[in-house]
Amino acid sequence: MAAAEWELAPGVWQETELLLWKPPAAWFSGNAFFTAAGLRNWYFEHSTRRTDEGFDTFDLTADLVIDPDLSTVTWKDEDEYAHVWCLGIVTDRSP
């Protein structure tokens, strides 16, 4: 991310089923990850934007993960968030 170099590559989704909630005017979107045992966790990110190629997302690097029963909220990748903040990639106005 810091190098601003991107490469589009094919990928295969594995391990979970995913339900995406992507309201067009919202600042964030929600994802629900499911395994054979049921809902694994919720995940929130900056909202997705439609492009000619498909969809673009902007990873804010700090991830909010919530247990299925909403009892535990965990921040993930706080060190990465601090790094991209220092580099100016994520700001108060991103994106």
C-alpha atoms as a PDB file:
ATOM      1  CA  MET A   1       0.000   0.000   0.000  1.00  0.00           C
ATOM      2  CA  ALA A   2       2.777   2.430   0.861  1.00  0.00           C
ATOM      3  CA  ALA A   3       4.463   1.895  -2.526  1.00  0.00           C
ATOM      4  CA  ALA A   4       1.175   2.703  -4.335  1.00  0.00           C
ATOM      5  CA  GLU A   5       1.754  -0.220  -6.685  1.00  0.00           C
ATOM      6  CA  TRP A   6      -1.261  -2.334  -7.615  1.00  0.00           C
ATOM      7  CA  GLU A   7      -1.596  -5.511  -9.594  1.00  0.00           C
ATOM      8  CA  LEU A   8      -4.912  -7.066 -10.536  1.00  0.00           C
ATOM      9  CA  ALA A   9      -4.742 -10.840 -10.140  1.00  0.00           C
ATOM     10  CA  PRO A  10      -7.254 -13.676 -10.079  1.00  0.00           C
ATOM     11  CA  GLY A  11      -8.100 -15.181  -6.718  1.00  0.00           C
ATOM     12  CA  VAL A  12     -10.225 -17.924  -5.208  1.00  0.00           C
ATOM     13  CA  TRP A  13     -12.337 -17.291  -2.098  1.00  0.00           C
ATOM     14  CA  GLN A  14     -11.697 -19.955   0.537  1.00  0.00           C
ATOM     15  CA  GLU A  15     -12.741 -21.035   4.037  1.00  0.00           C
ATOM     16  CA  THR A  16     -15.888 -18.928   4.478  1.00  0.00           C
ATOM     17  CA  GLU A  17     -19.106 -17.862   2.845  1.00  0.00           C
ATOM     18  CA  LEU A  18     -19.602 -14.114   2.810  1.00  0.00           C
ATOM     19  CA  LEU A  19     -22.654 -11.886   3.065  1.00  0.00           C
ATOM     20  CA  LEU A  20     -21.867  -8.304   2.031  1.00  0.00           C
ATOM     21  CA  TRP A  21     -23.902  -5.247   3.060  1.00  0.00           C
ATOM     22  CA  LYS A  22     -22.832  -2.395   0.767  1.00  0.00           C
ATOM     23  CA  PRO A  23     -25.260   0.546   0.978  1.00  0.00           C
ATOM     24  CA  PRO A  24     -24.341   3.013  -1.796  1.00  0.00           C
ATOM     25  CA  ALA A  25     -24.407   6.220   0.278  1.00  0.00           C
ATOM     26  CA  ALA A  26     -22.858   4.884   3.511  1.00  0.00           C
ATOM     27  CA  TRP A  27     -19.297   5.649   4.624  1.00  0.00           C
ATOM     28  CA  PHE A  28     -18.740   2.004   5.602  1.00  0.00           C
ATOM     29  CA  SER A  29     -19.890  -1.448   4.568  1.00  0.00           C
ATOM     30  CA  GLY A  30     -20.440  -4.584   6.600  1.00  0.00           C
ATOM     31  CA  ASN A  31     -19.439  -8.156   5.906  1.00  0.00           C
ATOM     32  CA  ALA A  32     -20.693 -11.264   7.688  1.00  0.00           C
ATOM     33  CA  PHE A  33     -18.393 -14.288   7.460  1.00  0.00           C
ATOM     34  CA  PHE A  34     -19.945 -17.748   7.773  1.00  0.00           C
ATOM     35  CA  THR A  35     -18.416 -21.213   8.147  1.00  0.00           C
ATOM     36  CA  ALA A  36     -20.189 -24.579   8.273  1.00  0.00           C
ATOM     37  CA  ALA A  37     -20.631 -23.941  12.030  1.00  0.00           C
ATOM     38  CA  GLY A  38     -22.486 -20.655  11.417  1.00  0.00           C
ATOM     39  CA  LEU A  39     -21.648 -16.951  11.689  1.00  0.00           C
ATOM     40  CA  ARG A  40     -17.928 -16.545  12.454  1.00  0.00           C
ATOM     41  CA  ASN A  41     -17.669 -12.759  12.757  1.00  0.00           C
ATOM     42  CA  TRP A  42     -18.672  -9.359  11.403  1.00  0.00           C
ATOM     43  CA  TYR A  43     -16.151  -7.144   9.623  1.00  0.00           C
ATOM     44  CA  PHE A  44     -16.488  -3.486   8.665  1.00  0.00           C
ATOM     45  CA  GLU A  45     -14.572  -1.532   6.036  1.00  0.00           C
ATOM     46  CA  HIS A  46     -14.808   1.598   3.932  1.00  0.00           C
ATOM     47  CA  SER A  47     -17.631   1.258   1.445  1.00  0.00           C
ATOM     48  CA  THR A  48     -17.135  -0.296  -1.981  1.00  0.00           C
ATOM     49  CA  ARG A  49     -17.246   1.758  -5.178  1.00  0.00           C
ATOM     50  CA  ARG A  50     -18.423   0.478  -8.556  1.00  0.00           C
ATOM     51  CA  THR A  51     -15.886   0.820 -11.404  1.00  0.00           C
ATOM     52  CA  ASP A  52     -15.749  -0.273 -15.048  1.00  0.00           C
ATOM     53  CA  GLU A  53     -13.640  -3.265 -13.983  1.00  0.00           C
ATOM     54  CA  GLY A  54     -15.843  -4.297 -11.042  1.00  0.00           C
ATOM     55  CA  PHE A  55     -15.585  -2.918  -7.514  1.00  0.00           C
ATOM     56  CA  ASP A  56     -12.895  -0.966  -5.653  1.00  0.00           C
ATOM     57  CA  THR A  57     -12.437  -1.029  -1.917  1.00  0.00           C
ATOM     58  CA  PHE A  58     -10.220   1.150   0.239  1.00  0.00           C
ATOM     59  CA  ASP A  59      -8.778  -0.734   3.173  1.00  0.00           C
ATOM     60  CA  LEU A  60      -8.383   1.616   6.115  1.00  0.00           C
ATOM     61  CA  THR A  61      -5.983  -0.989   7.571  1.00  0.00           C
ATOM     62  CA  ALA A  62      -7.447  -0.979  11.076  1.00  0.00           C
ATOM     63  CA  ASP A  63     -10.147  -3.625  11.105  1.00  0.00           C
ATOM     64  CA  LEU A  64     -13.069  -3.827  13.501  1.00  0.00           C
ATOM     65  CA  VAL A  65     -14.014  -7.469  14.103  1.00  0.00           C
ATOM     66  CA  ILE A  66     -17.146  -8.274  16.124  1.00  0.00           C
ATOM     67  CA  ASP A  67     -18.091 -11.697  17.492  1.00  0.00           C
ATOM     68  CA  PRO A  68     -21.392 -13.153  16.218  1.00  0.00           C
ATOM     69  CA  ASP A  69     -23.213 -12.473  19.500  1.00  0.00           C
ATOM     70  CA  LEU A  70     -21.875  -8.874  19.565  1.00  0.00           C
ATOM     71  CA  SER A  71     -20.187  -9.546  22.926  1.00  0.00           C
ATOM     72  CA  THR A  72     -16.608  -8.818  21.863  1.00  0.00           C
ATOM     73  CA  VAL A  73     -15.216  -6.059  19.665  1.00  0.00           C
ATOM     74  CA  THR A  74     -11.592  -6.361  18.604  1.00  0.00           C
ATOM     75  CA  TRP A  75      -9.403  -3.920  16.702  1.00  0.00           C
ATOM     76  CA  LYS A  76      -7.045  -5.661  14.309  1.00  0.00           C
ATOM     77  CA  ASP A  77      -3.934  -4.277  12.571  1.00  0.00           C
ATOM     78  CA  GLU A  78      -3.618  -1.110  14.664  1.00  0.00           C
ATOM     79  CA  ASP A  79       0.129  -1.019  13.949  1.00  0.00           C
ATOM     80  CA  GLU A  80      -0.519  -0.981  10.188  1.00  0.00           C
ATOM     81  CA  TYR A  81      -3.052   1.819  10.645  1.00  0.00           C
ATOM     82  CA  ALA A  82      -0.517   3.914  12.569  1.00  0.00           C
ATOM     83  CA  HIS A  83       2.041   3.358   9.802  1.00  0.00           C
ATOM     84  CA  VAL A  84      -0.232   4.408   6.908  1.00  0.00           C
ATOM     85  CA  TRP A  85      -1.439   7.393   8.973  1.00  0.00           C
ATOM     86  CA  CYS A  86       2.179   8.546   9.392  1.00  0.00           C
ATOM     87  CA  LEU A  87       2.728   8.140   5.629  1.00  0.00           C
ATOM     88  CA  GLY A  88      -0.378  10.221   4.865  1.00  0.00           C
ATOM     89  CA  ILE A  89      -2.126   7.379   2.998  1.00  0.00           C
ATOM     90  CA  VAL A  90      -5.029   7.492   5.459  1.00  0.00           C
ATOM     91  CA  THR A  91      -6.089  10.904   6.751  1.00  0.00           C
ATOM     92  CA  ASP A  92      -9.161  12.576   8.228  1.00  0.00           C
ATOM     93  CA  ARG A  93     -10.338  13.025   4.627  1.00  0.00           C
ATOM     94  CA  SER A  94      -9.568   9.519   3.256  1.00  0.00           C
ATOM     95  CA  PRO A  95     -10.695   8.745   0.596  1.00  0.00           C
END
